[in-house]
């Protein structure tokens, strides 16, 4: 599932917002993302960053996800796999990825496509009763509008 929006800011500005985990709660169109556990900017494929989350339908309500940067091509693309830490400390990724592709549109515009790809979700995860996607397309476009607002505030 994907959504696209042209943001009236340069790609470098938009990318900088996406690479800042502290901005993710404000970008999130679902309202589930709360706070980053680590504040470091995303700078390399393989980098791990954790986010505190809340969802009333989650068994714990409050929980934490472990994200692993899977794509980082500044300022053109950034994406991460989402998973959770098991009791033994190992991370189990669920098979979905969040990816933003940025295409410059003139000197001060960027077309941003946000993709939520759950094609790698294994059968045993789907059998836990988790519906994919767990939200509708409106959440993606909401996220892109939030990203546009943040990018504009950063550039002012």
N, C-alpha and C. Protein backbone atom coordinates (compact mmCIF):
# COMPACT_ATOMS: atom_id res chain seq x y z
N UNK A 1 0.86 -1.16 0.00
CA UNK A 1 0.00 0.00 0.00
C UNK A 1 0.91 1.22 0.00
N UNK A 2 0.56 2.22 -0.81
CA UNK A 2 1.39 3.42 -0.84
C UNK A 2 0.53 4.65 -1.09
N UNK A 3 1.12 5.79 -0.78
CA UNK A 3 0.50 7.09 -1.01
C UNK A 3 1.60 8.05 -1.41
N UNK A 4 1.24 9.05 -2.22
CA UNK A 4 2.22 10.01 -2.72
C UNK A 4 1.69 11.42 -2.51
N UNK A 5 2.61 12.32 -2.15
CA UNK A 5 2.28 13.73 -1.95
C UNK A 5 3.49 14.55 -2.35
N UNK A 6 3.25 15.67 -3.04
CA UNK A 6 4.34 16.59 -3.34
C UNK A 6 4.42 17.61 -2.21
N UNK A 7 5.61 17.70 -1.62
CA UNK A 7 5.86 18.59 -0.49
C UNK A 7 6.68 19.77 -1.00
N UNK A 8 6.30 20.96 -0.62
CA UNK A 8 6.95 22.19 -1.10
C UNK A 8 8.22 22.50 -0.33
N UNK A 9 9.10 21.51 -0.25
CA UNK A 9 10.40 21.66 0.41
C UNK A 9 11.42 20.82 -0.35
N UNK A 10 12.70 21.20 -0.29
CA UNK A 10 13.73 20.40 -0.96
C UNK A 10 13.85 19.00 -0.35
N UNK A 11 14.30 18.06 -1.17
CA UNK A 11 14.43 16.67 -0.74
C UNK A 11 15.33 16.54 0.50
N UNK A 12 16.40 17.32 0.56
CA UNK A 12 17.32 17.23 1.70
C UNK A 12 16.61 17.59 3.01
N UNK A 13 15.72 18.56 2.97
CA UNK A 13 14.97 18.96 4.16
C UNK A 13 14.01 17.85 4.58
N UNK A 14 13.28 17.31 3.61
CA UNK A 14 12.32 16.24 3.90
C UNK A 14 13.06 15.02 4.45
N UNK A 15 14.18 14.67 3.81
CA UNK A 15 14.95 13.52 4.25
C UNK A 15 15.45 13.71 5.68
N UNK A 16 15.92 14.90 6.01
CA UNK A 16 16.42 15.17 7.37
C UNK A 16 15.33 14.94 8.41
N UNK A 17 14.10 15.31 8.11
CA UNK A 17 13.00 15.08 9.04
C UNK A 17 12.77 13.58 9.21
N UNK A 18 12.77 12.84 8.10
CA UNK A 18 12.55 11.39 8.16
C UNK A 18 13.67 10.66 8.90
N UNK A 19 14.88 11.19 8.81
CA UNK A 19 16.03 10.55 9.46
C UNK A 19 16.14 10.88 10.94
N UNK A 20 15.20 11.65 11.46
CA UNK A 20 15.20 12.04 12.88
C UNK A 20 14.11 11.26 13.61
N UNK A 21 14.47 10.21 14.37
CA UNK A 21 13.45 9.44 15.09
C UNK A 21 12.57 10.28 16.01
N UNK A 22 13.08 11.40 16.50
CA UNK A 22 12.27 12.26 17.37
C UNK A 22 11.09 12.86 16.63
N UNK A 23 11.13 12.88 15.30
CA UNK A 23 10.03 13.43 14.50
C UNK A 23 8.97 12.38 14.16
N UNK A 24 9.26 11.11 14.38
CA UNK A 24 8.37 10.06 13.91
C UNK A 24 6.99 10.07 14.56
N UNK A 25 6.90 10.42 15.83
CA UNK A 25 5.58 10.49 16.47
C UNK A 25 4.71 11.56 15.82
N UNK A 26 5.32 12.68 15.46
CA UNK A 26 4.57 13.76 14.83
C UNK A 26 4.20 13.43 13.38
N UNK A 27 4.99 12.59 12.72
CA UNK A 27 4.71 12.19 11.35
C UNK A 27 3.61 11.13 11.30
N UNK A 28 3.61 10.23 12.25
CA UNK A 28 2.75 9.05 12.25
C UNK A 28 1.28 9.38 12.02
N UNK A 29 0.68 8.74 11.02
CA UNK A 29 -0.73 8.94 10.72
C UNK A 29 -1.66 8.03 11.49
N UNK A 30 -1.11 7.06 12.23
CA UNK A 30 -1.95 6.14 13.00
C UNK A 30 -2.18 6.62 14.43
N UNK A 31 -1.27 7.44 14.94
CA UNK A 31 -1.34 7.87 16.33
C UNK A 31 -0.75 6.87 17.30
N UNK A 32 -0.12 5.82 16.81
CA UNK A 32 0.42 4.76 17.66
C UNK A 32 1.83 5.07 18.15
N UNK A 33 2.62 5.78 17.34
CA UNK A 33 4.02 6.06 17.70
C UNK A 33 4.06 7.11 18.80
N UNK A 34 4.84 6.85 19.84
CA UNK A 34 4.95 7.77 20.96
C UNK A 34 6.29 8.49 20.98
N UNK A 35 7.32 7.85 21.50
CA UNK A 35 8.63 8.49 21.68
C UNK A 35 9.75 7.58 21.20
N UNK A 36 10.83 8.17 20.68
CA UNK A 36 11.99 7.34 20.36
C UNK A 36 12.74 6.97 21.64
N UNK A 37 13.28 5.78 21.68
CA UNK A 37 14.12 5.38 22.80
C UNK A 37 15.52 5.94 22.59
N UNK A 38 15.99 5.89 21.36
CA UNK A 38 17.28 6.49 21.00
C UNK A 38 17.01 7.76 20.18
N UNK A 39 17.80 8.78 20.40
CA UNK A 39 17.61 10.07 19.74
C UNK A 39 18.52 10.26 18.52
N UNK A 40 19.45 9.34 18.28
CA UNK A 40 20.42 9.51 17.21
C UNK A 40 19.75 9.52 15.84
N UNK A 41 20.19 10.40 14.93
CA UNK A 41 19.66 10.40 13.57
C UNK A 41 19.99 9.08 12.87
N UNK A 42 19.16 8.73 11.90
CA UNK A 42 19.37 7.51 11.12
C UNK A 42 20.41 7.81 10.04
N UNK A 43 21.52 7.08 10.09
CA UNK A 43 22.65 7.40 9.21
C UNK A 43 23.19 6.20 8.43
N UNK A 44 22.75 4.96 8.73
CA UNK A 44 23.35 3.81 8.07
C UNK A 44 22.38 2.63 8.00
N UNK A 45 22.47 1.90 6.92
CA UNK A 45 21.74 0.65 6.81
C UNK A 45 22.22 -0.27 7.93
N UNK A 46 21.30 -0.95 8.57
CA UNK A 46 21.61 -1.84 9.68
C UNK A 46 21.45 -1.18 11.04
N UNK A 47 21.36 0.14 11.08
CA UNK A 47 21.19 0.85 12.34
C UNK A 47 19.87 0.45 12.99
N UNK A 48 19.90 0.25 14.29
CA UNK A 48 18.72 -0.11 15.06
C UNK A 48 18.22 1.12 15.82
N UNK A 49 16.91 1.33 15.80
CA UNK A 49 16.31 2.37 16.64
C UNK A 49 14.98 1.85 17.17
N UNK A 50 14.72 2.14 18.42
CA UNK A 50 13.52 1.66 19.10
C UNK A 50 12.55 2.81 19.31
N UNK A 51 11.28 2.47 19.25
CA UNK A 51 10.23 3.47 19.46
C UNK A 51 9.22 2.93 20.46
N UNK A 52 8.82 3.79 21.41
CA UNK A 52 7.72 3.46 22.30
C UNK A 52 6.42 3.67 21.53
N UNK A 53 5.49 2.76 21.74
CA UNK A 53 4.23 2.77 20.99
C UNK A 53 3.05 2.61 21.95
N UNK A 54 1.86 2.91 21.45
CA UNK A 54 0.62 2.62 22.18
C UNK A 54 -0.47 2.30 21.17
N UNK A 55 -1.18 1.23 21.46
CA UNK A 55 -2.34 0.86 20.64
C UNK A 55 -3.32 0.16 21.56
N UNK A 56 -4.54 0.65 21.59
CA UNK A 56 -5.54 0.07 22.51
C UNK A 56 -5.85 -1.38 22.17
N UNK A 57 -5.61 -1.80 20.92
CA UNK A 57 -5.86 -3.18 20.54
C UNK A 57 -4.68 -4.11 20.78
N UNK A 58 -3.55 -3.56 21.20
CA UNK A 58 -2.38 -4.39 21.49
C UNK A 58 -2.57 -5.05 22.85
N UNK A 59 -2.13 -6.29 23.01
CA UNK A 59 -2.32 -6.97 24.31
C UNK A 59 -1.76 -6.21 25.51
N UNK A 60 -0.67 -5.45 25.30
CA UNK A 60 -0.07 -4.71 26.41
C UNK A 60 -0.46 -3.23 26.42
N UNK A 61 -1.14 -2.76 25.39
CA UNK A 61 -1.44 -1.33 25.29
C UNK A 61 -0.20 -0.55 24.92
N UNK A 62 0.71 -0.38 25.86
CA UNK A 62 2.01 0.25 25.61
C UNK A 62 3.01 -0.85 25.29
N UNK A 63 3.80 -0.62 24.27
CA UNK A 63 4.79 -1.60 23.86
C UNK A 63 5.93 -0.88 23.16
N UNK A 64 6.93 -1.62 22.75
CA UNK A 64 8.09 -1.02 22.09
C UNK A 64 8.40 -1.82 20.82
N UNK A 65 8.72 -1.11 19.75
CA UNK A 65 9.15 -1.77 18.52
C UNK A 65 10.64 -1.53 18.32
N UNK A 66 11.26 -2.48 17.64
CA UNK A 66 12.67 -2.38 17.28
C UNK A 66 12.71 -2.25 15.77
N UNK A 67 13.24 -1.14 15.30
CA UNK A 67 13.32 -0.89 13.86
C UNK A 67 14.76 -1.04 13.40
N UNK A 68 14.92 -1.56 12.19
CA UNK A 68 16.25 -1.72 11.59
C UNK A 68 16.24 -1.04 10.23
N UNK A 69 17.13 -0.06 10.07
CA UNK A 69 17.21 0.67 8.81
C UNK A 69 17.60 -0.32 7.71
N UNK A 70 16.75 -0.43 6.69
CA UNK A 70 16.97 -1.35 5.58
C UNK A 70 17.35 -0.63 4.30
N UNK A 71 16.97 0.65 4.20
CA UNK A 71 17.24 1.47 3.02
C UNK A 71 17.70 2.83 3.52
N UNK A 72 18.81 3.31 3.02
CA UNK A 72 19.26 4.67 3.34
C UNK A 72 20.10 5.18 2.18
N UNK A 73 19.48 6.02 1.38
CA UNK A 73 20.12 6.60 0.21
C UNK A 73 19.76 8.10 0.21
N UNK A 74 20.47 8.84 1.06
CA UNK A 74 20.15 10.27 1.25
C UNK A 74 20.43 11.04 -0.05
N UNK A 75 19.57 11.95 -0.43
CA UNK A 75 18.24 12.26 0.11
C UNK A 75 17.12 11.61 -0.70
N UNK A 76 17.33 10.41 -1.24
CA UNK A 76 16.35 9.80 -2.13
C UNK A 76 15.45 8.75 -1.51
N UNK A 77 15.94 8.01 -0.52
CA UNK A 77 15.11 6.92 0.03
C UNK A 77 15.56 6.57 1.44
N UNK A 78 14.59 6.21 2.26
CA UNK A 78 14.86 5.73 3.61
C UNK A 78 13.74 4.76 3.97
N UNK A 79 14.11 3.68 4.66
CA UNK A 79 13.10 2.71 5.05
C UNK A 79 13.60 1.82 6.17
N UNK A 80 12.67 1.23 6.90
CA UNK A 80 13.06 0.37 8.03
C UNK A 80 12.08 -0.78 8.20
N UNK A 81 12.65 -1.89 8.66
CA UNK A 81 11.88 -3.06 9.07
C UNK A 81 11.46 -2.85 10.51
N UNK A 82 10.29 -3.36 10.87
CA UNK A 82 9.81 -3.22 12.23
C UNK A 82 9.66 -4.59 12.87
N UNK A 83 10.13 -4.70 14.11
CA UNK A 83 10.03 -5.96 14.83
C UNK A 83 9.90 -5.72 16.32
N UNK A 84 10.13 -6.78 17.07
CA UNK A 84 10.07 -6.67 18.53
C UNK A 84 11.11 -7.60 19.14
N UNK A 85 11.54 -7.23 20.33
CA UNK A 85 12.53 -8.04 21.04
C UNK A 85 11.80 -9.21 21.71
N UNK A 86 12.36 -10.38 21.54
CA UNK A 86 11.81 -11.56 22.21
C UNK A 86 12.36 -11.62 23.64
N UNK A 87 11.88 -12.52 24.42
CA UNK A 87 12.32 -12.67 25.81
C UNK A 87 13.80 -12.95 25.95
N UNK A 88 14.42 -13.55 24.92
CA UNK A 88 15.85 -13.86 24.99
C UNK A 88 16.72 -12.72 24.49
N UNK A 89 16.10 -11.58 24.15
CA UNK A 89 16.85 -10.42 23.68
C UNK A 89 17.02 -10.35 22.18
N UNK A 90 16.77 -11.46 21.49
CA UNK A 90 16.84 -11.46 20.03
C UNK A 90 15.66 -10.68 19.47
N UNK A 91 15.83 -10.11 18.28
CA UNK A 91 14.78 -9.34 17.63
C UNK A 91 14.13 -10.18 16.54
N UNK A 92 12.82 -10.17 16.54
CA UNK A 92 12.05 -10.87 15.52
C UNK A 92 11.35 -9.80 14.68
N UNK A 93 11.71 -9.73 13.40
CA UNK A 93 11.08 -8.75 12.50
C UNK A 93 9.83 -9.38 11.91
N UNK A 94 8.79 -8.59 11.82
CA UNK A 94 7.48 -9.10 11.43
C UNK A 94 7.28 -9.33 9.95
N UNK A 95 8.16 -8.81 9.12
CA UNK A 95 8.00 -9.01 7.68
C UNK A 95 7.42 -7.81 6.95
N UNK A 96 7.33 -6.68 7.63
CA UNK A 96 6.85 -5.48 6.95
C UNK A 96 7.91 -4.39 6.99
N UNK A 97 7.82 -3.48 6.02
CA UNK A 97 8.78 -2.40 5.91
C UNK A 97 8.04 -1.09 5.63
N UNK A 98 8.54 -0.04 6.23
CA UNK A 98 8.10 1.33 5.94
C UNK A 98 9.17 1.94 5.05
N UNK A 99 8.79 2.51 3.93
CA UNK A 99 9.76 3.08 3.00
C UNK A 99 9.23 4.40 2.44
N UNK A 100 10.14 5.39 2.42
CA UNK A 100 9.86 6.69 1.82
C UNK A 100 10.79 6.87 0.64
N UNK A 101 10.22 7.14 -0.54
CA UNK A 101 11.01 7.46 -1.73
C UNK A 101 10.77 8.92 -2.07
N UNK A 102 11.87 9.67 -2.24
CA UNK A 102 11.81 11.11 -2.47
C UNK A 102 12.34 11.42 -3.86
N UNK A 103 11.54 12.17 -4.65
CA UNK A 103 11.93 12.58 -5.99
C UNK A 103 11.86 14.10 -6.06
N UNK A 104 13.00 14.76 -6.32
CA UNK A 104 12.96 16.22 -6.43
C UNK A 104 12.03 16.67 -7.55
N UNK A 105 11.28 17.70 -7.30
CA UNK A 105 10.39 18.32 -8.28
C UNK A 105 10.68 19.81 -8.29
N UNK A 106 11.75 20.17 -8.97
CA UNK A 106 12.18 21.56 -9.00
C UNK A 106 13.08 21.84 -7.81
N UNK A 107 13.51 23.10 -7.66
CA UNK A 107 14.46 23.43 -6.59
C UNK A 107 13.87 23.38 -5.18
N UNK A 108 12.55 23.49 -5.06
CA UNK A 108 11.98 23.53 -3.70
C UNK A 108 10.75 22.64 -3.57
N UNK A 109 10.76 21.53 -4.26
CA UNK A 109 9.63 20.61 -4.14
C UNK A 109 10.12 19.17 -4.19
N UNK A 110 9.41 18.30 -3.49
CA UNK A 110 9.78 16.89 -3.44
C UNK A 110 8.52 16.03 -3.48
N UNK A 111 8.49 15.12 -4.43
CA UNK A 111 7.41 14.13 -4.44
C UNK A 111 7.83 13.00 -3.51
N UNK A 112 6.99 12.71 -2.52
CA UNK A 112 7.30 11.69 -1.53
C UNK A 112 6.27 10.57 -1.65
N UNK A 113 6.77 9.36 -1.81
CA UNK A 113 5.90 8.19 -1.81
C UNK A 113 6.21 7.37 -0.57
N UNK A 114 5.20 7.17 0.25
CA UNK A 114 5.31 6.35 1.45
C UNK A 114 4.69 5.00 1.13
N UNK A 115 5.47 3.95 1.33
CA UNK A 115 4.99 2.59 1.07
C UNK A 115 5.04 1.78 2.36
N UNK A 116 3.95 1.09 2.64
CA UNK A 116 3.90 0.12 3.74
C UNK A 116 3.73 -1.23 3.06
N UNK A 117 4.80 -2.02 3.08
CA UNK A 117 4.83 -3.31 2.39
C UNK A 117 4.85 -4.43 3.41
N UNK A 118 3.81 -5.21 3.46
CA UNK A 118 3.72 -6.31 4.41
C UNK A 118 3.83 -7.67 3.70
N UNK A 119 4.34 -7.67 2.47
CA UNK A 119 4.40 -8.92 1.70
C UNK A 119 5.31 -9.97 2.33
N UNK A 120 6.23 -9.56 3.19
CA UNK A 120 7.13 -10.51 3.83
C UNK A 120 6.63 -11.06 5.16
N UNK A 121 5.39 -10.74 5.53
CA UNK A 121 4.86 -11.23 6.81
C UNK A 121 4.64 -12.74 6.71
N UNK A 122 5.30 -13.51 7.57
CA UNK A 122 5.14 -14.96 7.51
C UNK A 122 3.75 -15.41 7.96
N UNK A 123 3.39 -16.57 7.50
CA UNK A 123 2.07 -17.14 7.80
C UNK A 123 1.80 -17.20 9.31
N UNK A 124 2.80 -17.61 10.13
CA UNK A 124 2.55 -17.76 11.56
C UNK A 124 2.21 -16.41 12.21
N UNK A 125 2.73 -15.30 11.69
CA UNK A 125 2.38 -13.98 12.22
C UNK A 125 0.94 -13.66 11.85
N UNK A 126 0.58 -13.93 10.61
CA UNK A 126 -0.80 -13.67 10.16
C UNK A 126 -1.80 -14.52 10.94
N UNK A 127 -1.38 -15.72 11.32
CA UNK A 127 -2.26 -16.62 12.06
C UNK A 127 -2.48 -16.19 13.50
N UNK A 128 -1.69 -15.25 14.00
CA UNK A 128 -1.89 -14.70 15.36
C UNK A 128 -3.13 -13.82 15.43
N UNK A 129 -3.75 -13.61 14.29
CA UNK A 129 -4.96 -12.80 14.27
C UNK A 129 -4.71 -11.34 13.93
N UNK A 130 -3.48 -11.03 13.51
CA UNK A 130 -3.18 -9.65 13.10
C UNK A 130 -3.60 -9.50 11.64
N UNK A 131 -4.44 -8.53 11.40
CA UNK A 131 -4.93 -8.26 10.04
C UNK A 131 -3.94 -7.34 9.34
N UNK A 132 -3.62 -7.64 8.08
CA UNK A 132 -2.72 -6.78 7.30
C UNK A 132 -3.45 -6.28 6.08
N UNK A 133 -3.33 -4.98 5.83
CA UNK A 133 -2.69 -3.99 6.69
C UNK A 133 -3.56 -3.69 7.90
N UNK A 134 -2.94 -3.27 9.00
CA UNK A 134 -3.70 -3.02 10.23
C UNK A 134 -4.39 -1.65 10.25
N UNK A 135 -4.36 -0.94 9.13
CA UNK A 135 -4.97 0.39 9.00
C UNK A 135 -5.25 0.61 7.52
N UNK A 136 -6.02 1.63 7.23
CA UNK A 136 -6.36 1.93 5.85
C UNK A 136 -5.40 2.92 5.20
N UNK A 137 -5.56 3.13 3.90
CA UNK A 137 -4.67 4.04 3.16
C UNK A 137 -4.68 5.48 3.68
N UNK A 138 -5.75 5.89 4.33
CA UNK A 138 -5.83 7.27 4.85
C UNK A 138 -4.70 7.55 5.83
N UNK A 139 -4.25 6.54 6.55
CA UNK A 139 -3.17 6.75 7.52
C UNK A 139 -1.87 7.13 6.80
N UNK A 140 -1.64 6.59 5.62
CA UNK A 140 -0.42 6.93 4.88
C UNK A 140 -0.47 8.37 4.41
N UNK A 141 -1.59 8.78 3.84
CA UNK A 141 -1.69 10.17 3.36
C UNK A 141 -1.65 11.14 4.55
N UNK A 142 -2.25 10.76 5.68
CA UNK A 142 -2.14 11.60 6.88
C UNK A 142 -0.68 11.78 7.28
N UNK A 143 0.07 10.68 7.25
CA UNK A 143 1.50 10.74 7.58
C UNK A 143 2.25 11.69 6.65
N UNK A 144 1.93 11.62 5.37
CA UNK A 144 2.61 12.51 4.42
C UNK A 144 2.27 13.97 4.66
N UNK A 145 1.03 14.25 5.01
CA UNK A 145 0.66 15.64 5.34
C UNK A 145 1.38 16.11 6.61
N UNK A 146 1.50 15.23 7.60
CA UNK A 146 2.24 15.57 8.82
C UNK A 146 3.71 15.83 8.49
N UNK A 147 4.28 14.99 7.61
CA UNK A 147 5.66 15.17 7.18
C UNK A 147 5.83 16.52 6.49
N UNK A 148 4.89 16.88 5.64
CA UNK A 148 4.96 18.17 4.95
C UNK A 148 4.95 19.32 5.94
N UNK A 149 4.09 19.25 6.95
CA UNK A 149 4.03 20.31 7.97
C UNK A 149 5.36 20.42 8.72
N UNK A 150 5.92 19.27 9.11
CA UNK A 150 7.19 19.30 9.83
C UNK A 150 8.32 19.83 8.97
N UNK A 151 8.38 19.40 7.72
CA UNK A 151 9.43 19.86 6.82
C UNK A 151 9.35 21.37 6.62
N UNK A 152 8.14 21.88 6.53
CA UNK A 152 7.97 23.33 6.38
C UNK A 152 8.44 24.06 7.64
N UNK A 153 8.09 23.54 8.81
CA UNK A 153 8.53 24.19 10.06
C UNK A 153 10.04 24.17 10.22
N UNK A 154 10.68 23.08 9.78
CA UNK A 154 12.14 22.96 9.88
C UNK A 154 12.82 23.97 8.96
N UNK A 155 12.22 24.23 7.80
CA UNK A 155 12.86 25.10 6.82
C UNK A 155 12.64 26.59 7.09
N UNK A 156 11.70 26.92 7.93
CA UNK A 156 11.37 28.34 8.20
C UNK A 156 12.38 28.94 9.16
